[in-house]
All heavy atoms as atom14 arrays in JSON, in Angstrom:
{
  "sequence": "PTLSKTRESLFNVLANLIDFDGSAFLDIFAG",
  "atom14_mask": [
    [1, 1, 1, 1, 1, 1, 1, 0, 0, 0, 0, 0, 0, 0],
    [1, 1, 1, 1, 1, 1, 1, 0, 0, 0, 0, 0, 0, 0],
    [1, 1, 1, 1, 1, 1, 1, 1, 0, 0, 0, 0, 0, 0],
    [1, 1, 1, 1, 1, 1, 0, 0, 0, 0, 0, 0, 0, 0],
    [1, 1, 1, 1, 1, 1, 1, 1, 1, 0, 0, 0, 0, 0],
    [1, 1, 1, 1, 1, 1, 1, 0, 0, 0, 0, 0, 0, 0],
    [1, 1, 1, 1, 1, 1, 1, 1, 1, 1, 1, 0, 0, 0],
    [1, 1, 1, 1, 1, 1, 1, 1, 1, 0, 0, 0, 0, 0],
    [1, 1, 1, 1, 1, 1, 0, 0, 0, 0, 0, 0, 0, 0],
    [1, 1, 1, 1, 1, 1, 1, 1, 0, 0, 0, 0, 0, 0],
    [1, 1, 1, 1, 1, 1, 1, 1, 1, 1, 1, 0, 0, 0],
    [1, 1, 1, 1, 1, 1, 1, 1, 0, 0, 0, 0, 0, 0],
    [1, 1, 1, 1, 1, 1, 1, 0, 0, 0, 0, 0, 0, 0],
    [1, 1, 1, 1, 1, 1, 1, 1, 0, 0, 0, 0, 0, 0],
    [1, 1, 1, 1, 1, 0, 0, 0, 0, 0, 0, 0, 0, 0],
    [1, 1, 1, 1, 1, 1, 1, 1, 0, 0, 0, 0, 0, 0],
    [1, 1, 1, 1, 1, 1, 1, 1, 0, 0, 0, 0, 0, 0],
    [1, 1, 1, 1, 1, 1, 1, 1, 0, 0, 0, 0, 0, 0],
    [1, 1, 1, 1, 1, 1, 1, 1, 0, 0, 0, 0, 0, 0],
    [1, 1, 1, 1, 1, 1, 1, 1, 1, 1, 1, 0, 0, 0],
    [1, 1, 1, 1, 1, 1, 1, 1, 0, 0, 0, 0, 0, 0],
    [1, 1, 1, 1, 0, 0, 0, 0, 0, 0, 0, 0, 0, 0],
    [1, 1, 1, 1, 1, 1, 0, 0, 0, 0, 0, 0, 0, 0],
    [1, 1, 1, 1, 1, 0, 0, 0, 0, 0, 0, 0, 0, 0],
    [1, 1, 1, 1, 1, 1, 1, 1, 1, 1, 1, 0, 0, 0],
    [1, 1, 1, 1, 1, 1, 1, 1, 0, 0, 0, 0, 0, 0],
    [1, 1, 1, 1, 1, 1, 1, 1, 0, 0, 0, 0, 0, 0],
    [1, 1, 1, 1, 1, 1, 1, 1, 0, 0, 0, 0, 0, 0],
    [1, 1, 1, 1, 1, 1, 1, 1, 1, 1, 1, 0, 0, 0],
    [1, 1, 1, 1, 1, 0, 0, 0, 0, 0, 0, 0, 0, 0],
    [1, 1, 1, 1, 0, 0, 0, 0, 0, 0, 0, 0, 0, 0]
  ],
  "atom14_positions": [
    [[1.71, -5.08, -13.79], [2.3, -4.4, -12.62], [1.66, -3.02, -12.4], [1.44, -2.34, -13.35], [3.77, -4.36, -12.96], [4.01, -5.41, -13.94], [2.74, -5.51, -14.82], [0.0, 0.0, 0.0], [0.0, 0.0, 0.0], [0.0, 0.0, 0.0], [0.0, 0.0, 0.0], [0.0, 0.0, 0.0], [0.0, 0.0, 0.0], [0.0, 0.0, 0.0]],
    [[1.37, -2.73, -11.19], [0.89, -1.43, -10.83], [1.97, -0.37, -11.03], [3.11, -0.62, -10.52], [0.35, -1.4, -9.38], [-0.66, -2.43, -9.26], [-0.18, -0.05, -9.0], [0.0, 0.0, 0.0], [0.0, 0.0, 0.0], [0.0, 0.0, 0.0], [0.0, 0.0, 0.0], [0.0, 0.0, 0.0], [0.0, 0.0, 0.0], [0.0, 0.0, 0.0]],
    [[1.66, 0.66, -11.76], [2.63, 1.7, -12.06], [3.19, 2.36, -10.79], [2.45, 2.51, -9.78], [2.05, 2.71, -13.01], [1.63, 2.14, -14.36], [0.87, 3.27, -15.2], [2.77, 1.57, -15.13], [0.0, 0.0, 0.0], [0.0, 0.0, 0.0], [0.0, 0.0, 0.0], [0.0, 0.0, 0.0], [0.0, 0.0, 0.0], [0.0, 0.0, 0.0]],
    [[4.39, 2.92, -10.9], [5.01, 3.54, -9.71], [4.2, 4.71, -9.16], [4.08, 4.9, -7.92], [6.41, 3.99, -10.03], [6.45, 4.88, -11.08], [0.0, 0.0, 0.0], [0.0, 0.0, 0.0], [0.0, 0.0, 0.0], [0.0, 0.0, 0.0], [0.0, 0.0, 0.0], [0.0, 0.0, 0.0], [0.0, 0.0, 0.0], [0.0, 0.0, 0.0]],
    [[3.67, 5.51, -10.04], [2.79, 6.69, -9.59], [1.66, 6.2, -8.77], [1.29, 6.77, -7.75], [2.39, 7.54, -10.8], [1.53, 8.71, -10.43], [1.14, 9.52, -11.68], [0.28, 10.63, -11.28], [-0.16, 11.46, -12.38], [0.0, 0.0, 0.0], [0.0, 0.0, 0.0], [0.0, 0.0, 0.0], [0.0, 0.0, 0.0], [0.0, 0.0, 0.0]],
    [[1.01, 5.17, -9.28], [-0.19, 4.6, -8.53], [0.25, 4.01, -7.17], [-0.41, 4.18, -6.17], [-0.85, 3.53, -9.4], [-1.11, 4.07, -10.65], [-2.14, 3.02, -8.79], [0.0, 0.0, 0.0], [0.0, 0.0, 0.0], [0.0, 0.0, 0.0], [0.0, 0.0, 0.0], [0.0, 0.0, 0.0], [0.0, 0.0, 0.0], [0.0, 0.0, 0.0]],
    [[1.4, 3.34, -7.16], [1.88, 2.78, -5.88], [2.2, 3.82, -4.9], [1.83, 3.68, -3.73], [3.16, 1.88, -6.14], [2.86, 0.6, -6.99], [4.02, -0.38, -6.87], [5.32, 0.16, -7.09], [5.95, 0.32, -8.25], [5.29, -0.09, -9.36], [7.09, 0.78, -8.39], [0.0, 0.0, 0.0], [0.0, 0.0, 0.0], [0.0, 0.0, 0.0]],
    [[2.84, 4.85, -5.37], [3.16, 6.02, -4.41], [1.9, 6.58, -3.82], [1.81, 6.85, -2.61], [3.98, 7.04, -5.12], [5.43, 6.59, -5.37], [6.18, 7.73, -5.98], [6.39, 8.79, -5.37], [6.73, 7.62, -7.13], [0.0, 0.0, 0.0], [0.0, 0.0, 0.0], [0.0, 0.0, 0.0], [0.0, 0.0, 0.0], [0.0, 0.0, 0.0]],
    [[0.9, 6.76, -4.64], [-0.4, 7.38, -4.18], [-1.08, 6.41, -3.22], [-1.58, 6.85, -2.22], [-1.24, 7.67, -5.4], [-2.51, 8.14, -5.0], [0.0, 0.0, 0.0], [0.0, 0.0, 0.0], [0.0, 0.0, 0.0], [0.0, 0.0, 0.0], [0.0, 0.0, 0.0], [0.0, 0.0, 0.0], [0.0, 0.0, 0.0], [0.0, 0.0, 0.0]],
    [[-1.06, 5.14, -3.61], [-1.66, 4.16, -2.68], [-1.13, 4.22, -1.33], [-1.84, 4.31, -0.29], [-1.43, 2.74, -3.31], [-1.57, 1.48, -2.39], [-3.09, 1.35, -2.03], [-1.02, 0.26, -2.99], [0.0, 0.0, 0.0], [0.0, 0.0, 0.0], [0.0, 0.0, 0.0], [0.0, 0.0, 0.0], [0.0, 0.0, 0.0], [0.0, 0.0, 0.0]],
    [[0.18, 4.23, -1.19], [0.82, 4.2, 0.11], [0.7, 5.54, 0.83], [0.68, 5.65, 2.07], [2.33, 3.68, 0.07], [2.22, 2.15, -0.12], [2.36, 1.59, -1.32], [1.99, 1.41, 1.02], [2.36, 0.17, -1.46], [1.97, -0.06, 0.86], [2.14, -0.62, -0.36], [0.0, 0.0, 0.0], [0.0, 0.0, 0.0], [0.0, 0.0, 0.0]],
    [[0.59, 6.69, 0.08], [0.38, 7.96, 0.7], [-1.0, 8.06, 1.28], [-1.13, 8.45, 2.4], [0.5, 9.11, -0.35], [1.96, 9.39, -0.7], [2.91, 8.99, 0.0], [2.18, 9.94, -1.92], [0.0, 0.0, 0.0], [0.0, 0.0, 0.0], [0.0, 0.0, 0.0], [0.0, 0.0, 0.0], [0.0, 0.0, 0.0], [0.0, 0.0, 0.0]],
    [[-1.98, 7.47, 0.62], [-3.4, 7.44, 1.18], [-3.36, 6.54, 2.4], [-3.94, 6.89, 3.48], [-4.37, 6.93, 0.08], [-5.75, 6.64, 0.77], [-4.51, 7.96, -1.01], [0.0, 0.0, 0.0], [0.0, 0.0, 0.0], [0.0, 0.0, 0.0], [0.0, 0.0, 0.0], [0.0, 0.0, 0.0], [0.0, 0.0, 0.0], [0.0, 0.0, 0.0]],
    [[-2.84, 5.36, 2.31], [-2.71, 4.39, 3.41], [-2.1, 5.04, 4.61], [-2.51, 4.81, 5.74], [-2.04, 3.08, 3.02], [-2.85, 2.15, 2.17], [-2.0, 1.0, 1.74], [-4.12, 1.69, 2.84], [0.0, 0.0, 0.0], [0.0, 0.0, 0.0], [0.0, 0.0, 0.0], [0.0, 0.0, 0.0], [0.0, 0.0, 0.0], [0.0, 0.0, 0.0]],
    [[-0.93, 5.78, 4.37], [-0.23, 6.39, 5.57], [-1.08, 7.33, 6.27], [-0.89, 7.57, 7.55], [1.06, 7.1, 5.0], [0.0, 0.0, 0.0], [0.0, 0.0, 0.0], [0.0, 0.0, 0.0], [0.0, 0.0, 0.0], [0.0, 0.0, 0.0], [0.0, 0.0, 0.0], [0.0, 0.0, 0.0], [0.0, 0.0, 0.0], [0.0, 0.0, 0.0]],
    [[-2.07, 7.94, 5.62], [-3.0, 8.86, 6.26], [-4.15, 8.12, 7.0], [-4.87, 8.73, 7.77], [-3.6, 9.86, 5.37], [-2.57, 10.88, 4.92], [-1.8, 11.4, 5.68], [-2.5, 11.12, 3.59], [0.0, 0.0, 0.0], [0.0, 0.0, 0.0], [0.0, 0.0, 0.0], [0.0, 0.0, 0.0], [0.0, 0.0, 0.0], [0.0, 0.0, 0.0]],
    [[-4.33, 6.85, 6.78], [-5.43, 6.06, 7.31], [-5.02, 5.08, 8.39], [-5.84, 4.7, 9.25], [-6.11, 5.33, 6.17], [-6.8, 6.12, 5.1], [-7.35, 5.23, 3.97], [-7.94, 6.99, 5.66], [0.0, 0.0, 0.0], [0.0, 0.0, 0.0], [0.0, 0.0, 0.0], [0.0, 0.0, 0.0], [0.0, 0.0, 0.0], [0.0, 0.0, 0.0]],
    [[-3.75, 4.62, 8.32], [-3.35, 3.57, 9.27], [-1.81, 3.66, 9.61], [-1.06, 4.13, 8.74], [-3.66, 2.18, 8.54], [-3.57, 1.01, 9.58], [-2.81, 1.9, 7.32], [-4.12, -0.27, 9.08], [0.0, 0.0, 0.0], [0.0, 0.0, 0.0], [0.0, 0.0, 0.0], [0.0, 0.0, 0.0], [0.0, 0.0, 0.0], [0.0, 0.0, 0.0]],
    [[-1.48, 3.3, 10.78], [-0.13, 3.17, 11.18], [0.48, 1.86, 10.62], [0.02, 0.8, 11.06], [0.03, 3.23, 12.7], [1.42, 3.3, 13.24], [2.38, 3.39, 12.41], [1.62, 3.12, 14.42], [0.0, 0.0, 0.0], [0.0, 0.0, 0.0], [0.0, 0.0, 0.0], [0.0, 0.0, 0.0], [0.0, 0.0, 0.0], [0.0, 0.0, 0.0]],
    [[1.53, 1.98, 9.77], [2.11, 0.79, 9.19], [2.86, -0.06, 10.32], [2.9, -1.3, 10.16], [3.07, 1.09, 8.14], [2.53, 1.87, 6.92], [3.34, 2.39, 5.94], [1.14, 2.01, 6.8], [2.87, 3.04, 4.82], [0.54, 2.63, 5.62], [1.42, 3.14, 4.71], [0.0, 0.0, 0.0], [0.0, 0.0, 0.0], [0.0, 0.0, 0.0]],
    [[3.44, 0.52, 11.23], [4.24, -0.13, 12.26], [3.37, -1.15, 13.03], [2.36, -0.82, 13.54], [4.83, 0.93, 13.24], [5.81, 0.25, 14.2], [6.59, -0.57, 13.78], [5.76, 0.66, 15.35], [0.0, 0.0, 0.0], [0.0, 0.0, 0.0], [0.0, 0.0, 0.0], [0.0, 0.0, 0.0], [0.0, 0.0, 0.0], [0.0, 0.0, 0.0]],
    [[3.8, -2.41, 12.97], [3.08, -3.46, 13.68], [1.86, -3.98, 12.91], [1.23, -4.87, 13.33], [0.0, 0.0, 0.0], [0.0, 0.0, 0.0], [0.0, 0.0, 0.0], [0.0, 0.0, 0.0], [0.0, 0.0, 0.0], [0.0, 0.0, 0.0], [0.0, 0.0, 0.0], [0.0, 0.0, 0.0], [0.0, 0.0, 0.0], [0.0, 0.0, 0.0]],
    [[1.61, -3.47, 11.67], [0.46, -3.82, 10.9], [0.8, -4.94, 9.96], [1.95, -5.21, 9.53], [-0.08, -2.67, 10.09], [-0.59, -1.72, 10.95], [0.0, 0.0, 0.0], [0.0, 0.0, 0.0], [0.0, 0.0, 0.0], [0.0, 0.0, 0.0], [0.0, 0.0, 0.0], [0.0, 0.0, 0.0], [0.0, 0.0, 0.0], [0.0, 0.0, 0.0]],
    [[-0.27, -5.76, 9.58], [-0.21, -6.86, 8.63], [-0.76, -6.55, 7.36], [-1.91, -5.98, 7.33], [-0.79, -8.07, 9.29], [0.0, 0.0, 0.0], [0.0, 0.0, 0.0], [0.0, 0.0, 0.0], [0.0, 0.0, 0.0], [0.0, 0.0, 0.0], [0.0, 0.0, 0.0], [0.0, 0.0, 0.0], [0.0, 0.0, 0.0], [0.0, 0.0, 0.0]],
    [[-0.1, -6.92, 6.24], [-0.53, -6.61, 4.89], [-0.66, -7.88, 4.11], [0.19, -8.75, 4.1], [0.48, -5.72, 4.24], [0.16, -5.09, 2.93], [-0.33, -3.82, 2.82], [0.34, -5.81, 1.74], [-0.61, -3.2, 1.64], [-0.01, -5.26, 0.49], [-0.47, -3.93, 0.48], [0.0, 0.0, 0.0], [0.0, 0.0, 0.0], [0.0, 0.0, 0.0]],
    [[-1.79, -7.96, 3.32], [-1.95, -9.15, 2.44], [-2.13, -8.61, 1.06], [-2.99, -7.8, 0.72], [-3.25, -9.89, 2.81], [-3.69, -11.07, 2.02], [-2.53, -12.16, 1.9], [-4.96, -11.68, 2.46], [0.0, 0.0, 0.0], [0.0, 0.0, 0.0], [0.0, 0.0, 0.0], [0.0, 0.0, 0.0], [0.0, 0.0, 0.0], [0.0, 0.0, 0.0]],
    [[-1.32, -9.17, 0.1], [-1.37, -8.9, -1.31], [-1.97, -10.12, -2.05], [-1.33, -11.14, -2.19], [0.07, -8.6, -1.78], [0.14, -8.16, -3.23], [-0.85, -8.1, -3.92], [1.3, -7.85, -3.65], [0.0, 0.0, 0.0], [0.0, 0.0, 0.0], [0.0, 0.0, 0.0], [0.0, 0.0, 0.0], [0.0, 0.0, 0.0], [0.0, 0.0, 0.0]],
    [[-3.27, -10.02, -2.44], [-3.97, -11.07, -3.0], [-3.69, -10.89, -4.59], [-3.78, -9.8, -5.11], [-5.41, -11.08, -2.7], [-5.64, -11.1, -1.21], [-6.2, -12.19, -3.35], [-7.08, -11.0, -0.76], [0.0, 0.0, 0.0], [0.0, 0.0, 0.0], [0.0, 0.0, 0.0], [0.0, 0.0, 0.0], [0.0, 0.0, 0.0], [0.0, 0.0, 0.0]],
    [[-3.56, -11.98, -5.29], [-3.22, -11.95, -6.72], [-1.93, -11.14, -6.92], [-1.84, -10.23, -7.65], [-4.39, -11.34, -7.53], [-5.71, -11.96, -7.3], [-6.69, -11.37, -6.44], [-6.1, -13.1, -7.89], [-7.85, -11.92, -6.19], [-7.31, -13.66, -7.71], [-8.23, -13.07, -6.8], [0.0, 0.0, 0.0], [0.0, 0.0, 0.0], [0.0, 0.0, 0.0]],
    [[-0.95, -11.55, -6.16], [0.29, -10.8, -6.0], [1.08, -10.46, -7.26], [1.66, -9.44, -7.36], [1.22, -11.49, -5.0], [0.0, 0.0, 0.0], [0.0, 0.0, 0.0], [0.0, 0.0, 0.0], [0.0, 0.0, 0.0], [0.0, 0.0, 0.0], [0.0, 0.0, 0.0], [0.0, 0.0, 0.0], [0.0, 0.0, 0.0], [0.0, 0.0, 0.0]],
    [[0.99, -11.34, -8.23], [1.75, -11.1, -9.46], [3.29, -10.88, -9.23], [3.9, -11.74, -8.57], [0.0, 0.0, 0.0], [0.0, 0.0, 0.0], [0.0, 0.0, 0.0], [0.0, 0.0, 0.0], [0.0, 0.0, 0.0], [0.0, 0.0, 0.0], [0.0, 0.0, 0.0], [0.0, 0.0, 0.0], [0.0, 0.0, 0.0], [0.0, 0.0, 0.0]]
  ]
}
């Protein structure tokens, strides 16, 4: 499992790159 600190950073970076509202997300090798 991806650690919470890494997850928070991931979504902080994504929030600066893309608008989540109306967007589609794919989690490959979801675990």
